[in-house]
Amino acid sequence: MAILKLYGGKHATCTQRVATLLHELKVPFELVEVDLMAGEHKSPAYLAKQPFGQIPTSCAEEEDGFVVYETRAICRYIAAKYPASGLIPSESKANAIFEQAACAELTNFDPSANKLVFETVLKPMFYGTKADAAVNRYIAGDSLTLADLFYIPYAPLLAAGGIDIMTQKPNIARWYKELVARPSWLANAGGVTTTTAY
């Protein structure tokens, strides 16, 4: 069996995600570095492997020349080849819980974290510009979602316990103050009471 080739950037987070899994499973692989700054990811040779011109791409380089792209698809493919690892549960309920958690990471955490890393790390490092502290107004983007509301009950209790993590950083403090000032929270802050009409 040919060694798996992982095409990507040594410090690219998506490449690191796949490499972490490969190390977890002790799967030998060769990192084939793709020079993003030189536009190598847009070359015809690379686009033949990854039509969107993104990294990483995983080439199993087996007899059939199978190629898979998209980080999580690569990881699922590799984990499925090692079912004994239990990284993808096979029992239906356990698998549903796994998929639920994987979806939450992909749709709620990753987009926000990605924007924040770009603003606070990559912009200053590569472009020499200052971060925009208000890049994400809420946890899951620019609009209020349930993800924000889920934080409310415990957040004020942290402050009451002398833990000031909700006010240490300006953007978190702004977000927190907006949440605890919402009429929906104020209606319940002193305890939940029956409400029969609005």
N, C-alpha and C. Protein backbone atom coordinates (compact mmCIF):
# COMPACT_ATOMS: atom_id res chain seq x y z
N MET A 1 0.85 -1.18 0.00
CA MET A 1 0.00 0.00 0.00
C MET A 1 0.89 1.24 0.00
N ALA A 2 0.56 2.17 -0.88
CA ALA A 2 1.34 3.41 -0.98
C ALA A 2 1.05 4.28 0.24
N ILE A 3 2.06 5.08 0.61
CA ILE A 3 1.90 5.98 1.75
C ILE A 3 0.92 7.10 1.38
N LEU A 4 0.11 7.48 2.33
CA LEU A 4 -0.85 8.55 2.12
C LEU A 4 -0.10 9.87 1.96
N LYS A 5 -0.53 10.67 1.01
CA LYS A 5 0.07 11.98 0.81
C LYS A 5 -0.94 13.03 1.23
N LEU A 6 -0.48 13.96 2.04
CA LEU A 6 -1.32 15.05 2.52
C LEU A 6 -0.79 16.34 1.92
N TYR A 7 -1.57 16.95 1.06
CA TYR A 7 -1.18 18.20 0.41
C TYR A 7 -1.74 19.35 1.22
N GLY A 8 -0.86 20.25 1.67
CA GLY A 8 -1.33 21.38 2.45
C GLY A 8 -0.18 22.23 2.95
N GLY A 9 -0.50 23.11 3.88
CA GLY A 9 0.50 23.99 4.46
C GLY A 9 0.90 23.50 5.84
N LYS A 10 2.17 23.56 6.14
CA LYS A 10 2.70 23.07 7.41
C LYS A 10 2.00 23.70 8.61
N HIS A 11 1.65 24.98 8.51
CA HIS A 11 1.01 25.68 9.62
C HIS A 11 -0.47 25.97 9.37
N ALA A 12 -1.02 25.45 8.30
CA ALA A 12 -2.44 25.68 7.99
C ALA A 12 -3.30 24.85 8.93
N THR A 13 -4.29 25.49 9.52
CA THR A 13 -5.12 24.81 10.52
C THR A 13 -5.83 23.58 9.96
N CYS A 14 -6.31 23.65 8.73
CA CYS A 14 -7.00 22.50 8.16
C CYS A 14 -6.05 21.33 7.93
N THR A 15 -4.83 21.64 7.50
CA THR A 15 -3.83 20.59 7.34
C THR A 15 -3.48 20.01 8.71
N GLN A 16 -3.36 20.87 9.72
CA GLN A 16 -3.06 20.39 11.07
C GLN A 16 -4.16 19.48 11.60
N ARG A 17 -5.41 19.79 11.25
CA ARG A 17 -6.53 18.96 11.70
C ARG A 17 -6.38 17.53 11.18
N VAL A 18 -6.07 17.39 9.88
CA VAL A 18 -5.90 16.07 9.29
C VAL A 18 -4.67 15.38 9.88
N ALA A 19 -3.57 16.12 9.99
CA ALA A 19 -2.33 15.53 10.52
C ALA A 19 -2.50 15.06 11.95
N THR A 20 -3.29 15.77 12.74
CA THR A 20 -3.55 15.35 14.12
C THR A 20 -4.23 13.99 14.13
N LEU A 21 -5.21 13.81 13.26
CA LEU A 21 -5.89 12.51 13.16
C LEU A 21 -4.90 11.43 12.72
N LEU A 22 -4.08 11.73 11.73
CA LEU A 22 -3.11 10.75 11.26
C LEU A 22 -2.16 10.32 12.37
N HIS A 23 -1.72 11.27 13.17
CA HIS A 23 -0.86 10.93 14.32
C HIS A 23 -1.64 10.15 15.37
N GLU A 24 -2.88 10.54 15.60
CA GLU A 24 -3.72 9.84 16.58
C GLU A 24 -3.84 8.36 16.22
N LEU A 25 -3.99 8.10 14.92
CA LEU A 25 -4.16 6.72 14.46
C LEU A 25 -2.85 6.06 14.08
N LYS A 26 -1.75 6.82 14.20
CA LYS A 26 -0.43 6.32 13.84
C LYS A 26 -0.38 5.84 12.38
N VAL A 27 -0.94 6.69 11.50
CA VAL A 27 -0.94 6.42 10.07
C VAL A 27 0.23 7.17 9.44
N PRO A 28 1.17 6.46 8.83
CA PRO A 28 2.28 7.16 8.16
C PRO A 28 1.76 8.00 7.00
N PHE A 29 2.36 9.16 6.81
CA PHE A 29 1.95 10.03 5.71
C PHE A 29 3.10 10.91 5.31
N GLU A 30 3.00 11.43 4.09
CA GLU A 30 3.98 12.38 3.58
C GLU A 30 3.27 13.72 3.40
N LEU A 31 3.82 14.75 4.01
CA LEU A 31 3.30 16.10 3.81
C LEU A 31 3.91 16.65 2.52
N VAL A 32 3.06 17.01 1.59
CA VAL A 32 3.50 17.66 0.37
C VAL A 32 3.08 19.12 0.52
N GLU A 33 4.04 19.98 0.80
CA GLU A 33 3.72 21.39 1.07
C GLU A 33 3.25 22.10 -0.19
N VAL A 34 2.17 22.84 -0.03
CA VAL A 34 1.60 23.64 -1.10
C VAL A 34 1.86 25.09 -0.75
N ASP A 35 2.59 25.78 -1.61
CA ASP A 35 2.97 27.16 -1.35
C ASP A 35 1.83 28.10 -1.73
N LEU A 36 1.04 28.49 -0.72
CA LEU A 36 -0.11 29.36 -0.97
C LEU A 36 0.32 30.74 -1.44
N MET A 37 1.41 31.25 -0.86
CA MET A 37 1.87 32.59 -1.22
C MET A 37 2.28 32.68 -2.69
N ALA A 38 2.75 31.56 -3.23
CA ALA A 38 3.15 31.53 -4.63
C ALA A 38 1.98 31.14 -5.54
N GLY A 39 0.82 30.88 -4.95
CA GLY A 39 -0.37 30.53 -5.74
C GLY A 39 -0.38 29.10 -6.23
N GLU A 40 0.44 28.26 -5.62
CA GLU A 40 0.53 26.86 -6.06
C GLU A 40 -0.82 26.13 -5.97
N HIS A 41 -1.66 26.57 -5.03
CA HIS A 41 -2.97 25.92 -4.86
C HIS A 41 -3.93 26.24 -6.01
N LYS A 42 -3.54 27.17 -6.90
CA LYS A 42 -4.36 27.50 -8.05
C LYS A 42 -3.75 26.97 -9.36
N SER A 43 -2.69 26.20 -9.24
CA SER A 43 -2.04 25.65 -10.43
C SER A 43 -2.91 24.53 -11.02
N PRO A 44 -2.81 24.31 -12.33
CA PRO A 44 -3.60 23.23 -12.95
C PRO A 44 -3.34 21.87 -12.31
N ALA A 45 -2.11 21.58 -11.93
CA ALA A 45 -1.79 20.29 -11.32
C ALA A 45 -2.51 20.13 -9.99
N TYR A 46 -2.55 21.21 -9.19
CA TYR A 46 -3.23 21.11 -7.89
C TYR A 46 -4.74 21.12 -8.07
N LEU A 47 -5.26 21.93 -9.00
CA LEU A 47 -6.70 21.98 -9.24
C LEU A 47 -7.24 20.64 -9.72
N ALA A 48 -6.39 19.82 -10.32
CA ALA A 48 -6.82 18.47 -10.72
C ALA A 48 -7.13 17.61 -9.50
N LYS A 49 -6.49 17.93 -8.37
CA LYS A 49 -6.73 17.20 -7.12
C LYS A 49 -7.82 17.86 -6.28
N GLN A 50 -7.87 19.19 -6.32
CA GLN A 50 -8.80 19.96 -5.47
C GLN A 50 -9.38 21.08 -6.33
N PRO A 51 -10.57 20.88 -6.92
CA PRO A 51 -11.10 21.84 -7.89
C PRO A 51 -11.41 23.23 -7.34
N PHE A 52 -11.49 23.38 -6.01
CA PHE A 52 -11.74 24.69 -5.44
C PHE A 52 -10.44 25.44 -5.14
N GLY A 53 -9.31 24.77 -5.31
CA GLY A 53 -8.03 25.42 -5.07
C GLY A 53 -7.79 25.75 -3.62
N GLN A 54 -8.21 24.86 -2.73
CA GLN A 54 -8.03 25.06 -1.29
C GLN A 54 -7.17 23.94 -0.73
N ILE A 55 -6.71 24.14 0.50
CA ILE A 55 -5.96 23.07 1.16
C ILE A 55 -6.75 22.64 2.38
N PRO A 56 -6.54 21.44 2.89
CA PRO A 56 -5.67 20.40 2.35
C PRO A 56 -6.42 19.48 1.38
N THR A 57 -5.64 18.67 0.72
CA THR A 57 -6.15 17.57 -0.09
C THR A 57 -5.41 16.33 0.36
N SER A 58 -6.11 15.24 0.42
CA SER A 58 -5.48 13.98 0.80
C SER A 58 -5.52 13.06 -0.39
N CYS A 59 -4.38 12.51 -0.75
CA CYS A 59 -4.34 11.53 -1.81
C CYS A 59 -3.95 10.21 -1.19
N ALA A 60 -4.81 9.24 -1.27
CA ALA A 60 -4.48 7.94 -0.73
C ALA A 60 -3.40 7.28 -1.57
N GLU A 61 -3.31 7.67 -2.85
CA GLU A 61 -2.27 7.17 -3.74
C GLU A 61 -2.24 5.64 -3.73
N GLU A 62 -3.40 5.06 -3.63
CA GLU A 62 -3.47 3.60 -3.69
C GLU A 62 -3.61 3.20 -5.15
N GLU A 63 -3.84 1.93 -5.40
CA GLU A 63 -3.90 1.43 -6.76
C GLU A 63 -4.91 2.20 -7.63
N ASP A 64 -6.00 2.62 -7.01
CA ASP A 64 -7.03 3.31 -7.78
C ASP A 64 -6.80 4.83 -7.84
N GLY A 65 -5.75 5.34 -7.20
CA GLY A 65 -5.43 6.77 -7.24
C GLY A 65 -6.49 7.63 -6.57
N PHE A 66 -7.16 7.10 -5.57
CA PHE A 66 -8.25 7.82 -4.89
C PHE A 66 -7.75 9.12 -4.26
N VAL A 67 -8.50 10.20 -4.50
CA VAL A 67 -8.19 11.51 -3.94
C VAL A 67 -9.45 12.02 -3.24
N VAL A 68 -9.27 12.58 -2.05
CA VAL A 68 -10.40 13.18 -1.35
C VAL A 68 -9.97 14.55 -0.83
N TYR A 69 -10.89 15.51 -0.89
CA TYR A 69 -10.59 16.84 -0.37
C TYR A 69 -11.70 17.26 0.57
N GLU A 70 -11.52 18.39 1.24
CA GLU A 70 -12.34 18.91 2.33
C GLU A 70 -11.90 18.22 3.62
N THR A 71 -11.43 19.03 4.54
CA THR A 71 -10.82 18.54 5.77
C THR A 71 -11.61 17.45 6.47
N ARG A 72 -12.87 17.72 6.73
CA ARG A 72 -13.66 16.77 7.52
C ARG A 72 -13.97 15.51 6.72
N ALA A 73 -14.09 15.62 5.40
CA ALA A 73 -14.28 14.44 4.56
C ALA A 73 -13.01 13.58 4.59
N ILE A 74 -11.86 14.24 4.53
CA ILE A 74 -10.59 13.51 4.62
C ILE A 74 -10.52 12.76 5.95
N CYS A 75 -10.84 13.47 7.02
CA CYS A 75 -10.78 12.86 8.35
C CYS A 75 -11.75 11.70 8.49
N ARG A 76 -12.96 11.86 7.97
CA ARG A 76 -13.94 10.77 8.05
C ARG A 76 -13.47 9.56 7.24
N TYR A 77 -12.91 9.82 6.08
CA TYR A 77 -12.39 8.73 5.24
C TYR A 77 -11.31 7.94 5.98
N ILE A 78 -10.38 8.67 6.56
CA ILE A 78 -9.28 8.01 7.26
C ILE A 78 -9.79 7.27 8.49
N ALA A 79 -10.63 7.92 9.29
CA ALA A 79 -11.17 7.28 10.50
C ALA A 79 -11.99 6.04 10.15
N ALA A 80 -12.72 6.09 9.04
CA ALA A 80 -13.53 4.93 8.63
C ALA A 80 -12.66 3.75 8.25
N LYS A 81 -11.43 4.01 7.82
CA LYS A 81 -10.51 2.92 7.49
C LYS A 81 -9.98 2.23 8.75
N TYR A 82 -10.16 2.88 9.91
CA TYR A 82 -9.70 2.33 11.19
C TYR A 82 -10.87 2.30 12.17
N PRO A 83 -11.88 1.47 11.89
CA PRO A 83 -13.08 1.48 12.73
C PRO A 83 -12.83 1.08 14.18
N ALA A 84 -11.78 0.31 14.43
CA ALA A 84 -11.49 -0.11 15.81
C ALA A 84 -11.13 1.08 16.69
N SER A 85 -10.76 2.22 16.10
CA SER A 85 -10.41 3.40 16.89
C SER A 85 -11.62 3.96 17.61
N GLY A 86 -12.81 3.70 17.09
CA GLY A 86 -14.03 4.23 17.69
C GLY A 86 -14.23 5.72 17.45
N LEU A 87 -13.40 6.32 16.59
CA LEU A 87 -13.52 7.76 16.36
C LEU A 87 -14.80 8.13 15.60
N ILE A 88 -15.34 7.18 14.87
CA ILE A 88 -16.66 7.33 14.28
C ILE A 88 -17.50 6.18 14.83
N PRO A 89 -18.34 6.45 15.81
CA PRO A 89 -19.12 5.37 16.43
C PRO A 89 -20.01 4.67 15.40
N SER A 90 -20.13 3.36 15.52
CA SER A 90 -20.96 2.61 14.58
C SER A 90 -22.38 2.39 15.10
N GLU A 91 -22.56 2.36 16.41
CA GLU A 91 -23.90 2.17 16.98
C GLU A 91 -24.72 3.42 16.63
N SER A 92 -25.97 3.23 16.23
CA SER A 92 -26.75 4.32 15.64
C SER A 92 -26.93 5.53 16.56
N LYS A 93 -27.24 5.32 17.84
CA LYS A 93 -27.44 6.47 18.73
C LYS A 93 -26.11 7.17 19.01
N ALA A 94 -25.06 6.39 19.24
CA ALA A 94 -23.75 6.99 19.47
C ALA A 94 -23.29 7.76 18.23
N ASN A 95 -23.60 7.22 17.05
CA ASN A 95 -23.22 7.89 15.82
C ASN A 95 -24.01 9.19 15.65
N ALA A 96 -25.29 9.17 16.02
CA ALA A 96 -26.10 10.38 15.92
C ALA A 96 -25.55 11.47 16.84
N ILE A 97 -25.13 11.09 18.04
CA ILE A 97 -24.56 12.07 18.97
C ILE A 97 -23.23 12.60 18.43
N PHE A 98 -22.43 11.70 17.84
CA PHE A 98 -21.18 12.13 17.20
C PHE A 98 -21.47 13.13 16.09
N GLU A 99 -22.43 12.80 15.20
CA GLU A 99 -22.75 13.69 14.08
C GLU A 99 -23.29 15.04 14.59
N GLN A 100 -24.08 14.98 15.64
CA GLN A 100 -24.61 16.20 16.25
C GLN A 100 -23.47 17.10 16.73
N ALA A 101 -22.52 16.50 17.43
CA ALA A 101 -21.37 17.27 17.94
C ALA A 101 -20.50 17.77 16.79
N ALA A 102 -20.31 16.94 15.77
CA ALA A 102 -19.50 17.34 14.62
C ALA A 102 -20.17 18.50 13.88
N CYS A 103 -21.49 18.45 13.75
CA CYS A 103 -22.23 19.54 13.10
C CYS A 103 -22.12 20.83 13.91
N ALA A 104 -22.20 20.70 15.23
CA ALA A 104 -22.10 21.89 16.08
C ALA A 104 -20.73 22.54 15.93
N GLU A 105 -19.68 21.74 15.87
CA GLU A 105 -18.33 22.29 15.68
C GLU A 105 -18.23 22.99 14.34
N LEU A 106 -18.75 22.33 13.28
CA LEU A 106 -18.64 22.88 11.93
C LEU A 106 -19.46 24.14 11.73
N THR A 107 -20.68 24.16 12.27
CA THR A 107 -21.57 25.27 11.98
C THR A 107 -21.57 26.37 13.03
N ASN A 108 -21.19 26.07 14.25
CA ASN A 108 -21.23 27.08 15.31
C ASN A 108 -19.85 27.55 15.75
N PHE A 109 -18.93 26.62 16.00
CA PHE A 109 -17.62 27.02 16.50
C PHE A 109 -16.69 27.47 15.39
N ASP A 110 -16.52 26.63 14.36
CA ASP A 110 -15.52 26.90 13.34
C ASP A 110 -15.69 28.25 12.64
N PRO A 111 -16.89 28.61 12.17
CA PRO A 111 -17.01 29.90 11.47
C PRO A 111 -16.61 31.10 12.36
N SER A 112 -17.02 31.06 13.61
CA SER A 112 -16.68 32.16 14.52
C SER A 112 -15.20 32.16 14.86
N ALA A 113 -14.67 30.99 15.19
CA ALA A 113 -13.25 30.89 15.54
C ALA A 113 -12.38 31.27 14.35
N ASN A 114 -12.79 30.85 13.17
CA ASN A 114 -12.05 31.16 11.95
C ASN A 114 -11.95 32.67 11.76
N LYS A 115 -13.07 33.37 11.90
CA LYS A 115 -13.07 34.84 11.76
C LYS A 115 -12.20 35.50 12.82
N LEU A 116 -12.31 35.01 14.05
CA LEU A 116 -11.55 35.61 15.14
C LEU A 116 -10.06 35.40 14.95
N VAL A 117 -9.65 34.21 14.52
CA VAL A 117 -8.23 33.95 14.28
C VAL A 117 -7.73 34.85 13.15
N PHE A 118 -8.53 34.99 12.10
CA PHE A 118 -8.12 35.87 11.00
C PHE A 118 -7.91 37.29 11.51
N GLU A 119 -8.86 37.77 12.30
CA GLU A 119 -8.78 39.14 12.79
C GLU A 119 -7.65 39.36 13.80
N THR A 120 -7.50 38.44 14.74
CA THR A 120 -6.57 38.68 15.85
C THR A 120 -5.16 38.14 15.62
N VAL A 121 -5.01 37.19 14.69
CA VAL A 121 -3.69 36.60 14.46
C VAL A 121 -3.19 36.90 13.04
N LEU A 122 -3.97 36.50 12.04
CA LEU A 122 -3.49 36.57 10.67
C LEU A 122 -3.41 37.99 10.11
N LYS A 123 -4.42 38.82 10.37
CA LYS A 123 -4.38 40.19 9.86
C LYS A 123 -3.15 40.95 10.37
N PRO A 124 -2.91 40.94 11.68
CA PRO A 124 -1.71 41.64 12.16
C PRO A 124 -0.42 41.01 11.64
N MET A 125 -0.38 39.67 11.56
CA MET A 125 0.84 38.97 11.18
C MET A 125 1.19 39.16 9.70
N PHE A 126 0.20 38.97 8.83
CA PHE A 126 0.47 38.98 7.39
C PHE A 126 0.18 40.31 6.71
N TYR A 127 -0.74 41.08 7.24
CA TYR A 127 -1.13 42.32 6.58
C TYR A 127 -0.72 43.56 7.35
N GLY A 128 -0.24 43.37 8.59
CA GLY A 128 0.19 44.50 9.39
C GLY A 128 -0.93 45.43 9.79
N THR A 129 -2.16 44.92 9.78
CA THR A 129 -3.31 45.75 10.14
C THR A 129 -3.85 45.34 11.50
N LYS A 130 -4.56 46.25 12.09
CA LYS A 130 -5.13 46.01 13.42
C LYS A 130 -6.39 45.17 13.29
N ALA A 131 -6.61 44.33 14.30
CA ALA A 131 -7.80 43.49 14.32
C ALA A 131 -9.06 44.31 14.51
N ASP A 132 -10.13 43.85 13.90
CA ASP A 132 -11.44 44.45 14.10
C ASP A 132 -12.11 43.68 15.23
N ALA A 133 -12.16 44.26 16.41
CA ALA A 133 -12.66 43.57 17.60
C ALA A 133 -14.12 43.18 17.48
N ALA A 134 -14.86 43.82 16.60
CA ALA A 134 -16.29 43.54 16.48
C ALA A 134 -16.61 42.66 15.27
N VAL A 135 -15.66 41.84 14.83
CA VAL A 135 -15.88 41.02 13.64
C VAL A 135 -17.08 40.09 13.81
N ASN A 136 -17.27 39.55 14.99
CA ASN A 136 -18.45 38.74 15.27
C ASN A 136 -19.23 39.42 16.37
N ARG A 137 -20.44 39.82 16.06
CA ARG A 137 -21.24 40.48 17.09
C ARG A 137 -21.76 39.47 18.09
N TYR A 138 -22.08 38.27 17.61
CA TYR A 138 -22.60 37.22 18.48
C TYR A 138 -21.80 35.94 18.28
N ILE A 139 -22.09 34.95 19.08
CA ILE A 139 -21.34 33.69 19.04
C ILE A 139 -21.32 33.05 17.66
N ALA A 140 -22.46 32.99 17.00
CA ALA A 140 -22.55 32.30 15.71
C ALA A 140 -22.60 33.26 14.53
N GLY A 141 -22.14 34.48 14.69
CA GLY A 141 -22.12 35.42 13.57
C GLY A 141 -22.63 36.79 13.96
N ASP A 142 -23.30 37.44 13.02
CA ASP A 142 -23.76 38.81 13.23
C ASP A 142 -25.16 38.93 13.83
N SER A 143 -25.85 37.81 13.94
CA SER A 143 -27.21 37.84 14.48
C SER A 143 -27.30 37.01 15.75
N LEU A 144 -28.18 37.42 16.62
CA LEU A 144 -28.46 36.67 17.84
C LEU A 144 -29.02 35.30 17.48
N THR A 145 -28.50 34.25 18.14
CA THR A 145 -29.03 32.90 17.96
C THR A 145 -29.22 32.27 19.33
N LEU A 146 -29.78 31.08 19.33
CA LEU A 146 -29.93 30.34 20.58
C LEU A 146 -28.59 30.12 21.26
N ALA A 147 -27.53 29.98 20.46
CA ALA A 147 -26.20 29.76 21.06
C ALA A 147 -25.86 30.87 22.04
N ASP A 148 -26.22 32.11 21.71
CA ASP A 148 -25.98 33.23 22.63
C ASP A 148 -26.84 33.11 23.87
N LEU A 149 -28.12 32.84 23.67
CA LEU A 149 -29.05 32.77 24.79
C LEU A 149 -28.69 31.66 25.77
N PHE A 150 -28.09 30.60 25.25
CA PHE A 150 -27.71 29.48 26.11
C PHE A 150 -26.65 29.88 27.15
N TYR A 151 -25.90 30.93 26.88
CA TYR A 151 -24.86 31.38 27.80
C TYR A 151 -25.41 32.17 28.98
N ILE A 152 -26.60 32.76 28.80
CA ILE A 152 -27.07 33.75 29.78
C ILE A 152 -27.19 33.25 31.21
N PRO A 153 -27.82 32.14 31.51
CA PRO A 153 -28.03 31.82 32.93
C PRO A 153 -26.76 31.71 33.77
N TYR A 154 -25.69 31.15 33.20
CA TYR A 154 -24.47 30.98 33.99
C TYR A 154 -23.57 32.20 34.00
N ALA A 155 -23.60 32.98 32.91
CA ALA A 155 -22.69 34.12 32.80
C ALA A 155 -22.81 35.09 33.98
N PRO A 156 -24.00 35.51 34.39
CA PRO A 156 -24.09 36.42 35.55
C PRO A 156 -23.65 35.75 36.85
N LEU A 157 -23.83 34.45 36.94
CA LEU A 157 -23.42 33.74 38.16
C LEU A 157 -21.89 33.71 38.29
N LEU A 158 -21.19 33.68 37.16
CA LEU A 158 -19.73 33.74 37.21
C LEU A 158 -19.29 35.06 37.86
N ALA A 159 -19.91 36.15 37.41
CA ALA A 159 -19.58 37.46 37.97
C ALA A 159 -19.91 37.50 39.45
N ALA A 160 -21.05 36.92 39.83
CA ALA A 160 -21.45 36.90 41.24
C ALA A 160 -20.46 36.10 42.08
N GLY A 161 -19.80 35.14 41.46
CA GLY A 161 -18.82 34.32 42.15
C GLY A 161 -17.42 34.91 42.13
N GLY A 162 -17.30 36.14 41.61
CA GLY A 162 -16.00 36.80 41.59
C GLY A 162 -15.13 36.40 40.41
N ILE A 163 -15.70 35.74 39.44
CA ILE A 163 -14.94 35.34 38.24
C ILE A 163 -15.31 36.32 37.13
N ASP A 164 -14.32 37.11 36.70
CA ASP A 164 -14.63 38.21 35.79
C ASP A 164 -14.33 37.92 34.31
N ILE A 165 -14.41 36.67 33.91
CA ILE A 165 -14.08 36.35 32.51
C ILE A 165 -15.04 36.99 31.51
N MET A 166 -16.21 37.39 31.96
CA MET A 166 -17.17 37.99 31.03
C MET A 166 -16.89 39.47 30.79
N THR A 167 -15.96 40.05 31.53
CA THR A 167 -15.70 41.49 31.38
C THR A 167 -14.23 41.82 31.11
N GLN A 168 -13.38 40.82 31.04
CA GLN A 168 -11.95 41.08 30.83
C GLN A 168 -11.62 41.58 29.43
N LYS A 169 -12.28 41.05 28.42
CA LYS A 169 -12.00 41.43 27.04
C LYS A 169 -13.12 42.34 26.53
N PRO A 170 -12.78 43.44 25.87
CA PRO A 170 -13.79 44.42 25.47
C PRO A 170 -14.95 43.86 24.65
N ASN A 171 -14.66 43.01 23.66
CA ASN A 171 -15.74 42.52 22.81
C ASN A 171 -16.62 41.52 23.55
N ILE A 172 -16.02 40.69 24.41
CA ILE A 172 -16.82 39.76 25.22
C ILE A 172 -17.67 40.56 26.19
N ALA A 173 -17.11 41.59 26.79
CA ALA A 173 -17.87 42.43 27.73
C ALA A 173 -19.05 43.09 27.02
N ARG A 174 -18.82 43.59 25.80
CA ARG A 174 -19.90 44.20 25.02
C ARG A 174 -21.01 43.19 24.78
N TRP A 175 -20.62 41.99 24.33
CA TRP A 175 -21.57 40.92 24.04
C TRP A 175 -22.35 40.53 25.31
N TYR A 176 -21.63 40.34 26.39
CA TYR A 176 -22.24 39.94 27.66
C TYR A 176 -23.23 41.00 28.16
N LYS A 177 -22.82 42.26 28.11
CA LYS A 177 -23.71 43.34 28.58
C LYS A 177 -24.96 43.44 27.74
N GLU A 178 -24.83 43.21 26.42
CA GLU A 178 -26.01 43.21 25.55
C GLU A 178 -26.95 42.07 25.93
N LEU A 179 -26.39 40.91 26.20
CA LEU A 179 -27.23 39.74 26.53
C LEU A 179 -27.99 39.94 27.83
N VAL A 180 -27.28 40.36 28.87
CA VAL A 180 -27.95 40.47 30.18
C VAL A 180 -28.86 41.69 30.26
N ALA A 181 -28.83 42.56 29.25
CA ALA A 181 -29.75 43.69 29.21
C ALA A 181 -31.00 43.39 28.38
N ARG A 182 -31.03 42.22 27.76
CA ARG A 182 -32.19 41.86 26.92
C ARG A 182 -33.43 41.70 27.79
N PRO A 183 -34.56 42.21 27.34
CA PRO A 183 -35.80 42.05 28.11
C PRO A 183 -36.12 40.60 28.42
N SER A 184 -35.77 39.69 27.52
CA SER A 184 -36.06 38.27 27.76
C SER A 184 -35.31 37.75 28.97
N TRP A 185 -34.06 38.22 29.18
CA TRP A 185 -33.32 37.79 30.37
C TRP A 185 -33.82 38.53 31.61
N LEU A 186 -34.05 39.81 31.48
CA LEU A 186 -34.50 40.59 32.63
C LEU A 186 -35.83 40.06 33.18
N ALA A 187 -36.65 39.49 32.30
CA ALA A 187 -37.93 38.93 32.74
C ALA A 187 -37.72 37.71 33.62
N ASN A 188 -36.55 37.07 33.53
CA ASN A 188 -36.28 35.83 34.27
C ASN A 188 -35.13 35.94 35.27
N ALA A 189 -34.42 37.06 35.25
CA ALA A 189 -33.23 37.20 36.08
C ALA A 189 -33.51 36.99 37.57
N GLY A 190 -34.67 37.39 38.00
CA GLY A 190 -35.03 37.22 39.42
C GLY A 190 -35.71 35.90 39.69
N GLY A 191 -35.84 35.06 38.70
CA GLY A 191 -36.52 33.78 38.83
C GLY A 191 -37.63 33.69 37.79
N VAL A 192 -37.88 32.50 37.31
CA VAL A 192 -38.88 32.29 36.27
C VAL A 192 -40.29 32.34 36.89
N THR A 193 -41.16 33.08 36.25
CA THR A 193 -42.56 33.13 36.68
C THR A 193 -43.45 32.84 35.47
N THR A 194 -44.63 32.39 35.74
CA THR A 194 -45.57 32.10 34.65
C THR A 194 -45.91 33.37 33.90
N THR A 195 -45.95 33.26 32.58
CA THR A 195 -46.36 34.38 31.74
C THR A 195 -47.44 33.87 30.81
N THR A 196 -48.62 34.43 30.91
CA THR A 196 -49.73 33.95 30.09
C THR A 196 -50.05 34.85 28.91
N ALA A 197 -49.48 36.04 28.88
CA ALA A 197 -49.76 36.96 27.78
C ALA A 197 -48.62 37.95 27.62
N TYR A 198 -48.48 38.49 26.39
CA TYR A 198 -47.48 39.53 26.11
C TYR A 198 -48.16 40.74 25.55
